């Protein structure tokens, strides 16, 4: 399975990007043993249009164009479902075991995420009811992916 994090906004040179790189490096090291052959982050620029709806639509169109054909899509959204780390690991393991080839996590820009009528996420995931900075959400997601792979592999990183 290949996992892609598709996000609006550029993180190059930020402390959050250093965290994403650290956790994805760790995840890549253990991921192959767990059937994850690739982990990537792709960014699109944040829209500069005046109106929020137009910005959301432009960013959604850009993100939608990056989704691999046939990918299972999970949108990060404050209104989505919260999951324990164990449930998240179980979900990733179930997708892998069912033969999912591509999994795409989508993170919108500061105004939100709308992928338009042609793209429907299979589910929405929330990291709690709070609003988190989008760059921080990337780091949190990267850590949860790493944690899920360690749970699936019986690695001692997850101590719950």
C-alpha atoms as a PDB file:
ATOM      1  CA  UNK A   1       0.000   0.000   0.000  1.00  0.00           C
ATOM      2  CA  UNK A   2       1.139   3.522  -0.764  1.00  0.00           C
ATOM      3  CA  UNK A   3       0.177   6.355   1.573  1.00  0.00           C
ATOM      4  CA  UNK A   4       0.104   9.986   0.458  1.00  0.00           C
ATOM      5  CA  UNK A   5      -0.547  13.077   2.525  1.00  0.00           C
ATOM      6  CA  UNK A   6      -1.950  15.738   0.194  1.00  0.00           C
ATOM      7  CA  UNK A   7      -2.077  19.184   1.758  1.00  0.00           C
ATOM      8  CA  UNK A   8      -2.794  22.801   0.917  1.00  0.00           C
ATOM      9  CA  UNK A   9      -0.025  25.117   2.037  1.00  0.00           C
ATOM     10  CA  UNK A  10       3.739  25.054   1.782  1.00  0.00           C
ATOM     11  CA  UNK A  11       5.655  23.809   4.809  1.00  0.00           C
ATOM     12  CA  UNK A  12       9.245  23.961   3.578  1.00  0.00           C
ATOM     13  CA  UNK A  13      11.608  25.204   6.269  1.00  0.00           C
ATOM     14  CA  UNK A  14       9.068  25.135   9.098  1.00  0.00           C
ATOM     15  CA  UNK A  15       9.510  23.323  12.424  1.00  0.00           C
ATOM     16  CA  UNK A  16       6.332  21.376  11.642  1.00  0.00           C
ATOM     17  CA  UNK A  17       7.859  20.104   8.396  1.00  0.00           C
ATOM     18  CA  UNK A  18      10.892  18.868  10.327  1.00  0.00           C
ATOM     19  CA  UNK A  19       8.507  16.826  12.516  1.00  0.00           C
ATOM     20  CA  UNK A  20       6.700  15.437   9.454  1.00  0.00           C
ATOM     21  CA  UNK A  21      10.045  14.431   7.926  1.00  0.00           C
ATOM     22  CA  UNK A  22      11.155  12.769  11.166  1.00  0.00           C
ATOM     23  CA  UNK A  23       8.009  10.682  11.594  1.00  0.00           C
ATOM     24  CA  UNK A  24       7.771   9.724   7.926  1.00  0.00           C
ATOM     25  CA  UNK A  25      11.428   8.651   7.943  1.00  0.00           C
ATOM     26  CA  UNK A  26      10.671   6.430  10.927  1.00  0.00           C
ATOM     27  CA  UNK A  27       7.473   5.163   9.275  1.00  0.00           C
ATOM     28  CA  UNK A  28       9.303   4.297   6.061  1.00  0.00           C
ATOM     29  CA  UNK A  29      11.819   2.254   8.030  1.00  0.00           C
ATOM     30  CA  UNK A  30       9.144   0.065   9.611  1.00  0.00           C
ATOM     31  CA  UNK A  31       6.505   0.425   6.881  1.00  0.00           C
ATOM     32  CA  UNK A  32       7.871  -2.071   4.382  1.00  0.00           C
ATOM     33  CA  UNK A  33       7.554  -4.811   6.992  1.00  0.00           C
ATOM     34  CA  UNK A  34       3.899  -3.791   7.346  1.00  0.00           C
ATOM     35  CA  UNK A  35       3.119  -3.687   3.623  1.00  0.00           C
ATOM     36  CA  UNK A  36       3.514   0.065   3.160  1.00  0.00           C
ATOM     37  CA  UNK A  37       5.816   0.535   0.188  1.00  0.00           C
ATOM     38  CA  UNK A  38       5.700   4.334  -0.080  1.00  0.00           C
ATOM     39  CA  UNK A  39       4.913   7.346   2.107  1.00  0.00           C
ATOM     40  CA  UNK A  40       4.834  10.800   0.581  1.00  0.00           C
ATOM     41  CA  UNK A  41       3.722  14.361   1.167  1.00  0.00           C
ATOM     42  CA  UNK A  42       2.511  16.495  -1.708  1.00  0.00           C
ATOM     43  CA  UNK A  43       1.706  20.151  -1.281  1.00  0.00           C
ATOM     44  CA  UNK A  44      -0.346  22.597  -3.283  1.00  0.00           C
ATOM     45  CA  UNK A  45      -0.170  26.331  -2.789  1.00  0.00           C
ATOM     46  CA  UNK A  46      -2.828  28.113  -0.776  1.00  0.00           C
ATOM     47  CA  UNK A  47      -5.202  30.087  -2.975  1.00  0.00           C
ATOM     48  CA  UNK A  48      -4.891  33.852  -3.089  1.00  0.00           C
ATOM     49  CA  UNK A  49      -8.425  34.457  -4.317  1.00  0.00           C
ATOM     50  CA  UNK A  50     -10.464  37.046  -2.391  1.00  0.00           C
ATOM     51  CA  UNK A  51     -13.531  35.031  -1.488  1.00  0.00           C
ATOM     52  CA  UNK A  52     -13.245  32.118   0.969  1.00  0.00           C
ATOM     53  CA  UNK A  53     -15.524  29.806  -1.058  1.00  0.00           C
ATOM     54  CA  UNK A  54     -13.448  30.441  -4.172  1.00  0.00           C
ATOM     55  CA  UNK A  55     -10.225  29.761  -2.233  1.00  0.00           C
ATOM     56  CA  UNK A  56     -11.582  26.490  -0.850  1.00  0.00           C
ATOM     57  CA  UNK A  57     -12.758  25.424  -4.313  1.00  0.00           C
ATOM     58  CA  UNK A  58      -9.427  26.246  -5.977  1.00  0.00           C
ATOM     59  CA  UNK A  59      -7.419  24.395  -3.331  1.00  0.00           C
ATOM     60  CA  UNK A  60      -9.815  21.441  -3.470  1.00  0.00           C
ATOM     61  CA  UNK A  61      -9.441  21.220  -7.242  1.00  0.00           C
ATOM     62  CA  UNK A  62      -5.645  21.248  -6.936  1.00  0.00           C
ATOM     63  CA  UNK A  63      -5.702  18.571  -4.223  1.00  0.00           C
ATOM     64  CA  UNK A  64      -8.228  16.479  -6.125  1.00  0.00           C
ATOM     65  CA  UNK A  65      -5.897  16.436  -9.113  1.00  0.00           C
ATOM     66  CA  UNK A  66      -3.181  14.828  -6.993  1.00  0.00           C
ATOM     67  CA  UNK A  67      -5.245  11.883  -5.739  1.00  0.00           C
ATOM     68  CA  UNK A  68      -4.046   8.603  -7.246  1.00  0.00           C
ATOM     69  CA  UNK A  69      -6.686   6.838  -9.353  1.00  0.00           C
ATOM     70  CA  UNK A  70      -8.675   4.406  -7.229  1.00  0.00           C
ATOM     71  CA  UNK A  71      -7.232   5.666  -3.944  1.00  0.00           C
ATOM     72  CA  UNK A  72      -9.160   5.399  -0.711  1.00  0.00           C
ATOM     73  CA  UNK A  73      -9.582   9.007   0.435  1.00  0.00           C
ATOM     74  CA  UNK A  74      -9.601  10.186   4.033  1.00  0.00           C
ATOM     75  CA  UNK A  75     -10.271  13.877   4.630  1.00  0.00           C
ATOM     76  CA  UNK A  76      -8.934  15.522   7.775  1.00  0.00           C
ATOM     77  CA  UNK A  77     -11.837  17.534   9.128  1.00  0.00           C
ATOM     78  CA  UNK A  78     -12.766  18.808  12.587  1.00  0.00           C
ATOM     79  CA  UNK A  79     -16.277  17.414  11.979  1.00  0.00           C
ATOM     80  CA  UNK A  80     -14.883  13.968  11.144  1.00  0.00           C
ATOM     81  CA  UNK A  81     -14.717  10.902  13.324  1.00  0.00           C
ATOM     82  CA  UNK A  82     -12.178  10.791  16.130  1.00  0.00           C
ATOM     83  CA  UNK A  83     -10.286   7.539  16.555  1.00  0.00           C
ATOM     84  CA  UNK A  84      -7.967   6.044  19.112  1.00  0.00           C
ATOM     85  CA  UNK A  85      -4.476   5.212  17.889  1.00  0.00           C
ATOM     86  CA  UNK A  86      -5.368   1.525  18.091  1.00  0.00           C
ATOM     87  CA  UNK A  87      -8.492   2.024  15.952  1.00  0.00           C
ATOM     88  CA  UNK A  88      -6.480   4.053  13.443  1.00  0.00           C
ATOM     89  CA  UNK A  89      -3.909   1.243  13.231  1.00  0.00           C
ATOM     90  CA  UNK A  90      -6.692  -1.300  12.831  1.00  0.00           C
ATOM     91  CA  UNK A  91      -8.183   0.767   9.994  1.00  0.00           C
ATOM     92  CA  UNK A  92      -4.833   0.990   8.171  1.00  0.00           C
ATOM     93  CA  UNK A  93      -4.234  -2.722   8.671  1.00  0.00           C
ATOM     94  CA  UNK A  94      -7.710  -3.584   7.373  1.00  0.00           C
ATOM     95  CA  UNK A  95      -7.192  -1.451   4.252  1.00  0.00           C
ATOM     96  CA  UNK A  96      -3.830  -3.067   3.645  1.00  0.00           C
ATOM     97  CA  UNK A  97      -5.250  -6.553   4.170  1.00  0.00           C
ATOM     98  CA  UNK A  98      -8.152  -5.807   1.829  1.00  0.00           C
ATOM     99  CA  UNK A  99      -5.650  -4.998  -0.907  1.00  0.00           C
ATOM    100  CA  UNK A 100      -5.936  -1.213  -0.998  1.00  0.00           C
ATOM    101  CA  UNK A 101      -3.212   0.026  -3.310  1.00  0.00           C
ATOM    102  CA  UNK A 102      -3.353   3.742  -2.480  1.00  0.00           C
ATOM    103  CA  UNK A 103      -4.503   5.700   0.541  1.00  0.00           C
ATOM    104  CA  UNK A 104      -4.686   9.493   0.341  1.00  0.00           C
ATOM    105  CA  UNK A 105      -5.088  11.729   3.385  1.00  0.00           C
ATOM    106  CA  UNK A 106      -6.289  15.220   2.422  1.00  0.00           C
ATOM    107  CA  UNK A 107      -5.676  18.351   4.460  1.00  0.00           C
ATOM    108  CA  UNK A 108      -7.278  21.575   3.261  1.00  0.00           C
ATOM    109  CA  UNK A 109      -6.028  25.104   3.651  1.00  0.00           C
ATOM    110  CA  UNK A 110      -6.867  27.640   6.360  1.00  0.00           C
ATOM    111  CA  UNK A 111     -10.444  28.034   5.109  1.00  0.00           C
ATOM    112  CA  UNK A 112     -11.243  24.324   4.956  1.00  0.00           C
ATOM    113  CA  UNK A 113     -11.548  21.561   2.393  1.00  0.00           C
ATOM    114  CA  UNK A 114     -14.006  21.003  -0.436  1.00  0.00           C
ATOM    115  CA  UNK A 115     -13.063  18.540  -3.135  1.00  0.00           C
ATOM    116  CA  UNK A 116     -16.000  19.314  -5.369  1.00  0.00           C
ATOM    117  CA  UNK A 117     -18.738  17.012  -6.648  1.00  0.00           C
ATOM    118  CA  UNK A 118     -16.478  14.481  -8.398  1.00  0.00           C
ATOM    119  CA  UNK A 119     -14.367  13.461  -5.388  1.00  0.00           C
ATOM    120  CA  UNK A 120     -15.872  11.847  -2.294  1.00  0.00           C
ATOM    121  CA  UNK A 121     -13.793  10.869   0.736  1.00  0.00           C
ATOM    122  CA  UNK A 122     -14.413   7.378   2.083  1.00  0.00           C
ATOM    123  CA  UNK A 123     -14.307   8.847   5.566  1.00  0.00           C
ATOM    124  CA  UNK A 124     -13.405  11.953   7.528  1.00  0.00           C
ATOM    125  CA  UNK A 125     -10.955  11.915  10.404  1.00  0.00           C
ATOM    126  CA  UNK A 126     -10.730  14.444  13.241  1.00  0.00           C
ATOM    127  CA  UNK A 127      -7.977  14.995  15.769  1.00  0.00           C
ATOM    128  CA  UNK A 128     -10.511  16.161  18.325  1.00  0.00           C
ATOM    129  CA  UNK A 129     -13.073  18.963  18.254  1.00  0.00           C
ATOM    130  CA  UNK A 130     -10.471  21.727  18.366  1.00  0.00           C
ATOM    131  CA  UNK A 131      -9.253  23.619  15.317  1.00  0.00           C
ATOM    132  CA  UNK A 132      -5.587  22.830  14.699  1.00  0.00           C
ATOM    133  CA  UNK A 133      -3.118  24.747  12.523  1.00  0.00           C
ATOM    134  CA  UNK A 134      -2.929  22.895   9.226  1.00  0.00           C
ATOM    135  CA  UNK A 135       0.850  22.500   9.390  1.00  0.00           C
ATOM    136  CA  UNK A 136       0.524  20.959  12.834  1.00  0.00           C
ATOM    137  CA  UNK A 137      -2.150  18.552  11.551  1.00  0.00           C
ATOM    138  CA  UNK A 138       0.421  17.217   9.071  1.00  0.00           C
ATOM    139  CA  UNK A 139       2.862  16.510  11.886  1.00  0.00           C
ATOM    140  CA  UNK A 140       0.138  14.874  13.990  1.00  0.00           C
ATOM    141  CA  UNK A 141      -0.953  12.724  11.044  1.00  0.00           C
ATOM    142  CA  UNK A 142       2.621  11.674  10.263  1.00  0.00           C
ATOM    143  CA  UNK A 143       3.107  10.665  13.894  1.00  0.00           C
ATOM    144  CA  UNK A 144      -0.147   8.685  13.928  1.00  0.00           C
ATOM    145  CA  UNK A 145       0.843   6.870  10.736  1.00  0.00           C
ATOM    146  CA  UNK A 146       4.160   5.959  12.342  1.00  0.00           C
ATOM    147  CA  UNK A 147       2.419   4.937  15.560  1.00  0.00           C
ATOM    148  CA  UNK A 148      -0.088   2.799  13.623  1.00  0.00           C
ATOM    149  CA  UNK A 149       2.730   0.972  11.834  1.00  0.00           C
ATOM    150  CA  UNK A 150       4.483   0.304  15.146  1.00  0.00           C
ATOM    151  CA  UNK A 151       1.226  -1.017  16.622  1.00  0.00           C
ATOM    152  CA  UNK A 152       0.722  -3.316  13.629  1.00  0.00           C
ATOM    153  CA  UNK A 153       4.315  -4.504  13.916  1.00  0.00           C
ATOM    154  CA  UNK A 154       4.303  -5.029  17.699  1.00  0.00           C
ATOM    155  CA  UNK A 155       7.020  -2.389  18.175  1.00  0.00           C
ATOM    156  CA  UNK A 156       7.272  -0.945  21.720  1.00  0.00           C
ATOM    157  CA  UNK A 157       6.830   2.729  20.629  1.00  0.00           C
ATOM    158  CA  UNK A 158       3.130   2.631  21.491  1.00  0.00           C
ATOM    159  CA  UNK A 159       2.856   1.943  25.221  1.00  0.00           C
ATOM    160  CA  UNK A 160      -0.899   2.066  25.801  1.00  0.00           C
END
